[in-house]
Amino acid sequence: MIFPSLQQASQVMGGVNILSPIGLAILTIGILFTVGLPLTMILKGKKD
């Protein structure tokens, strides 16, 4: 079979522990982009 089963995929894709420094950095950058960027665009948008 071409596609691995779910159990095999979870073994291959380990992931990052969210409480590690790199996990917290990824989480912080994600929050800044998903909240901060749209908020900045709304507040400092084009003024007519």
PDB file of N, CA and C in Angstrom:
ATOM      1  N   MET A   1       0.837  -1.178   0.000  1.00  0.00           N
ATOM      2  CA  MET A   1       0.000   0.000   0.000  1.00  0.00           C
ATOM      3  C   MET A   1       0.889   1.251   0.000  1.00  0.00           C
ATOM      4  N   ILE A   2       0.492   2.264  -0.744  1.00  0.00           N
ATOM      5  CA  ILE A   2       1.312   3.470  -0.876  1.00  0.00           C
ATOM      6  C   ILE A   2       1.247   4.317   0.395  1.00  0.00           C
ATOM      7  N   PHE A   3       0.052   4.522   0.950  1.00  0.00           N
ATOM      8  CA  PHE A   3      -0.110   5.363   2.126  1.00  0.00           C
ATOM      9  C   PHE A   3       0.059   4.533   3.392  1.00  0.00           C
ATOM     10  N   PRO A   4       0.897   5.002   4.337  1.00  0.00           N
ATOM     11  CA  PRO A   4       1.074   4.249   5.584  1.00  0.00           C
ATOM     12  C   PRO A   4      -0.170   4.357   6.460  1.00  0.00           C
ATOM     13  N   SER A   5      -0.312   3.400   7.340  1.00  0.00           N
ATOM     14  CA  SER A   5      -1.457   3.439   8.242  1.00  0.00           C
ATOM     15  C   SER A   5      -1.258   4.564   9.255  1.00  0.00           C
ATOM     16  N   LEU A   6      -2.294   4.883  10.002  1.00  0.00           N
ATOM     17  CA  LEU A   6      -2.250   5.976  10.966  1.00  0.00           C
ATOM     18  C   LEU A   6      -1.217   5.711  12.055  1.00  0.00           C
ATOM     19  N   GLN A   7      -1.100   4.474  12.483  1.00  0.00           N
ATOM     20  CA  GLN A   7      -0.145   4.137  13.534  1.00  0.00           C
ATOM     21  C   GLN A   7       1.291   4.336  13.031  1.00  0.00           C
ATOM     22  N   GLN A   8       1.573   3.938  11.807  1.00  0.00           N
ATOM     23  CA  GLN A   8       2.911   4.123  11.251  1.00  0.00           C
ATOM     24  C   GLN A   8       3.207   5.603  11.037  1.00  0.00           C
ATOM     25  N   ALA A   9       2.218   6.386  10.641  1.00  0.00           N
ATOM     26  CA  ALA A   9       2.422   7.814  10.420  1.00  0.00           C
ATOM     27  C   ALA A   9       2.738   8.528  11.722  1.00  0.00           C
ATOM     28  N   SER A  10       2.110   8.116  12.816  1.00  0.00           N
ATOM     29  CA  SER A  10       2.378   8.760  14.096  1.00  0.00           C
ATOM     30  C   SER A  10       3.783   8.435  14.587  1.00  0.00           C
ATOM     31  N   GLN A  11       4.329   7.295  14.195  1.00  0.00           N
ATOM     32  CA  GLN A  11       5.691   6.963  14.590  1.00  0.00           C
ATOM     33  C   GLN A  11       6.703   7.778  13.790  1.00  0.00           C
ATOM     34  N   VAL A  12       6.401   8.057  12.541  1.00  0.00           N
ATOM     35  CA  VAL A  12       7.319   8.805  11.688  1.00  0.00           C
ATOM     36  C   VAL A  12       7.294  10.281  12.051  1.00  0.00           C
ATOM     37  N   MET A  13       6.110  10.847  12.226  1.00  0.00           N
ATOM     38  CA  MET A  13       5.971  12.269  12.528  1.00  0.00           C
ATOM     39  C   MET A  13       5.988  12.459  14.035  1.00  0.00           C
ATOM     40  N   GLY A  14       7.147  12.632  14.615  1.00  0.00           N
ATOM     41  CA  GLY A  14       7.275  12.750  16.056  1.00  0.00           C
ATOM     42  C   GLY A  14       6.652  14.014  16.593  1.00  0.00           C
ATOM     43  N   GLY A  15       6.950  15.149  15.996  1.00  0.00           N
ATOM     44  CA  GLY A  15       6.411  16.410  16.463  1.00  0.00           C
ATOM     45  C   GLY A  15       7.339  17.081  17.455  1.00  0.00           C
ATOM     46  N   VAL A  16       6.888  18.205  17.986  1.00  0.00           N
ATOM     47  CA  VAL A  16       7.670  19.001  18.925  1.00  0.00           C
ATOM     48  C   VAL A  16       6.888  19.088  20.222  1.00  0.00           C
ATOM     49  N   ASN A  17       7.584  18.902  21.331  1.00  0.00           N
ATOM     50  CA  ASN A  17       6.946  19.065  22.637  1.00  0.00           C
ATOM     51  C   ASN A  17       6.604  20.538  22.824  1.00  0.00           C
ATOM     52  N   ILE A  18       5.353  20.847  23.147  1.00  0.00           N
ATOM     53  CA  ILE A  18       4.896  22.233  23.215  1.00  0.00           C
ATOM     54  C   ILE A  18       5.522  22.969  24.387  1.00  0.00           C
ATOM     55  N   LEU A  19       5.977  22.266  25.412  1.00  0.00           N
ATOM     56  CA  LEU A  19       6.578  22.921  26.569  1.00  0.00           C
ATOM     57  C   LEU A  19       8.078  23.135  26.429  1.00  0.00           C
ATOM     58  N   SER A  20       8.674  22.668  25.345  1.00  0.00           N
ATOM     59  CA  SER A  20      10.096  22.903  25.105  1.00  0.00           C
ATOM     60  C   SER A  20      10.279  24.333  24.588  1.00  0.00           C
ATOM     61  N   PRO A  21      11.482  24.873  24.670  1.00  0.00           N
ATOM     62  CA  PRO A  21      11.697  26.250  24.182  1.00  0.00           C
ATOM     63  C   PRO A  21      11.326  26.447  22.713  1.00  0.00           C
ATOM     64  N   ILE A  22      11.634  25.478  21.863  1.00  0.00           N
ATOM     65  CA  ILE A  22      11.286  25.629  20.443  1.00  0.00           C
ATOM     66  C   ILE A  22       9.775  25.533  20.246  1.00  0.00           C
ATOM     67  N   GLY A  23       9.108  24.721  21.058  1.00  0.00           N
ATOM     68  CA  GLY A  23       7.657  24.620  20.974  1.00  0.00           C
ATOM     69  C   GLY A  23       6.977  25.915  21.374  1.00  0.00           C
ATOM     70  N   LEU A  24       7.481  26.530  22.439  1.00  0.00           N
ATOM     71  CA  LEU A  24       6.924  27.814  22.869  1.00  0.00           C
ATOM     72  C   LEU A  24       7.202  28.912  21.845  1.00  0.00           C
ATOM     73  N   ALA A  25       8.365  28.855  21.208  1.00  0.00           N
ATOM     74  CA  ALA A  25       8.681  29.844  20.172  1.00  0.00           C
ATOM     75  C   ALA A  25       7.750  29.689  18.976  1.00  0.00           C
ATOM     76  N   ILE A  26       7.507  28.465  18.552  1.00  0.00           N
ATOM     77  CA  ILE A  26       6.599  28.216  17.425  1.00  0.00           C
ATOM     78  C   ILE A  26       5.189  28.685  17.772  1.00  0.00           C
ATOM     79  N   LEU A  27       4.751  28.402  18.995  1.00  0.00           N
ATOM     80  CA  LEU A  27       3.416  28.816  19.438  1.00  0.00           C
ATOM     81  C   LEU A  27       3.301  30.338  19.471  1.00  0.00           C
ATOM     82  N   THR A  28       4.316  31.018  19.975  1.00  0.00           N
ATOM     83  CA  THR A  28       4.301  32.478  20.050  1.00  0.00           C
ATOM     84  C   THR A  28       4.271  33.105  18.661  1.00  0.00           C
ATOM     85  N   ILE A  29       5.093  32.602  17.764  1.00  0.00           N
ATOM     86  CA  ILE A  29       5.109  33.134  16.390  1.00  0.00           C
ATOM     87  C   ILE A  29       3.762  32.894  15.717  1.00  0.00           C
ATOM     88  N   GLY A  30       3.172  31.727  15.947  1.00  0.00           N
ATOM     89  CA  GLY A  30       1.861  31.437  15.362  1.00  0.00           C
ATOM     90  C   GLY A  30       0.788  32.369  15.863  1.00  0.00           C
ATOM     91  N   ILE A  31       0.791  32.652  17.162  1.00  0.00           N
ATOM     92  CA  ILE A  31      -0.214  33.562  17.726  1.00  0.00           C
ATOM     93  C   ILE A  31      -0.008  34.978  17.201  1.00  0.00           C
ATOM     94  N   LEU A  32       1.251  35.404  17.107  1.00  0.00           N
ATOM     95  CA  LEU A  32       1.517  36.756  16.589  1.00  0.00           C
ATOM     96  C   LEU A  32       1.026  36.925  15.154  1.00  0.00           C
ATOM     97  N   PHE A  33       1.221  35.897  14.329  1.00  0.00           N
ATOM     98  CA  PHE A  33       0.789  36.009  12.933  1.00  0.00           C
ATOM     99  C   PHE A  33      -0.723  35.896  12.781  1.00  0.00           C
ATOM    100  N   THR A  34      -1.362  35.027  13.577  1.00  0.00           N
ATOM    101  CA  THR A  34      -2.802  34.821  13.389  1.00  0.00           C
ATOM    102  C   THR A  34      -3.639  35.893  14.057  1.00  0.00           C
ATOM    103  N   VAL A  35      -3.104  36.565  15.075  1.00  0.00           N
ATOM    104  CA  VAL A  35      -3.862  37.610  15.759  1.00  0.00           C
ATOM    105  C   VAL A  35      -3.273  38.984  15.443  1.00  0.00           C
ATOM    106  N   GLY A  36      -1.979  39.118  15.589  1.00  0.00           N
ATOM    107  CA  GLY A  36      -1.341  40.426  15.449  1.00  0.00           C
ATOM    108  C   GLY A  36      -1.381  40.993  14.055  1.00  0.00           C
ATOM    109  N   LEU A  37      -1.096  40.196  13.071  1.00  0.00           N
ATOM    110  CA  LEU A  37      -1.053  40.698  11.695  1.00  0.00           C
ATOM    111  C   LEU A  37      -2.420  41.176  11.203  1.00  0.00           C
ATOM    112  N   PRO A  38      -3.493  40.390  11.343  1.00  0.00           N
ATOM    113  CA  PRO A  38      -4.796  40.911  10.915  1.00  0.00           C
ATOM    114  C   PRO A  38      -5.243  42.134  11.722  1.00  0.00           C
ATOM    115  N   LEU A  39      -4.939  42.141  13.040  1.00  0.00           N
ATOM    116  CA  LEU A  39      -5.309  43.283  13.868  1.00  0.00           C
ATOM    117  C   LEU A  39      -4.570  44.540  13.421  1.00  0.00           C
ATOM    118  N   THR A  40      -3.305  44.400  13.098  1.00  0.00           N
ATOM    119  CA  THR A  40      -2.526  45.532  12.590  1.00  0.00           C
ATOM    120  C   THR A  40      -3.093  46.020  11.259  1.00  0.00           C
ATOM    121  N   MET A  41      -3.475  45.114  10.400  1.00  0.00           N
ATOM    122  CA  MET A  41      -4.031  45.503   9.100  1.00  0.00           C
ATOM    123  C   MET A  41      -5.368  46.234   9.282  1.00  0.00           C
ATOM    124  N   ILE A  42      -6.168  45.811  10.254  1.00  0.00           N
ATOM    125  CA  ILE A  42      -7.460  46.462  10.488  1.00  0.00           C
ATOM    126  C   ILE A  42      -7.242  47.861  11.065  1.00  0.00           C
ATOM    127  N   LEU A  43      -6.382  47.958  12.080  1.00  0.00           N
ATOM    128  CA  LEU A  43      -6.197  49.229  12.769  1.00  0.00           C
ATOM    129  C   LEU A  43      -5.416  50.245  11.939  1.00  0.00           C
ATOM    130  N   LYS A  44      -4.439  49.816  11.173  1.00  0.00           N
ATOM    131  CA  LYS A  44      -3.612  50.739  10.392  1.00  0.00           C
ATOM    132  C   LYS A  44      -3.885  50.582   8.910  1.00  0.00           C
ATOM    133  N   GLY A  45      -5.098  50.261   8.575  1.00  0.00           N
ATOM    134  CA  GLY A  45      -5.452  50.031   7.190  1.00  0.00           C
ATOM    135  C   GLY A  45      -5.508  51.314   6.380  1.00  0.00           C
ATOM    136  N   LYS A  46      -5.964  51.168   5.151  1.00  0.00           N
ATOM    137  CA  LYS A  46      -6.037  52.305   4.238  1.00  0.00           C
ATOM    138  C   LYS A  46      -7.056  53.325   4.764  1.00  0.00           C
ATOM    139  N   LYS A  47      -6.611  54.551   4.865  1.00  0.00           N
ATOM    140  CA  LYS A  47      -7.495  55.633   5.322  1.00  0.00           C
ATOM    141  C   LYS A  47      -7.994  56.401   4.112  1.00  0.00           C
ATOM    142  N   ASP A  48      -9.299  56.584   4.030  1.00  0.00           N
ATOM    143  CA  ASP A  48      -9.871  57.324   2.880  1.00  0.00           C
ATOM    144  C   ASP A  48      -9.921  58.802   3.161  1.00  0.00           C
TER     145      ASP A  48
END
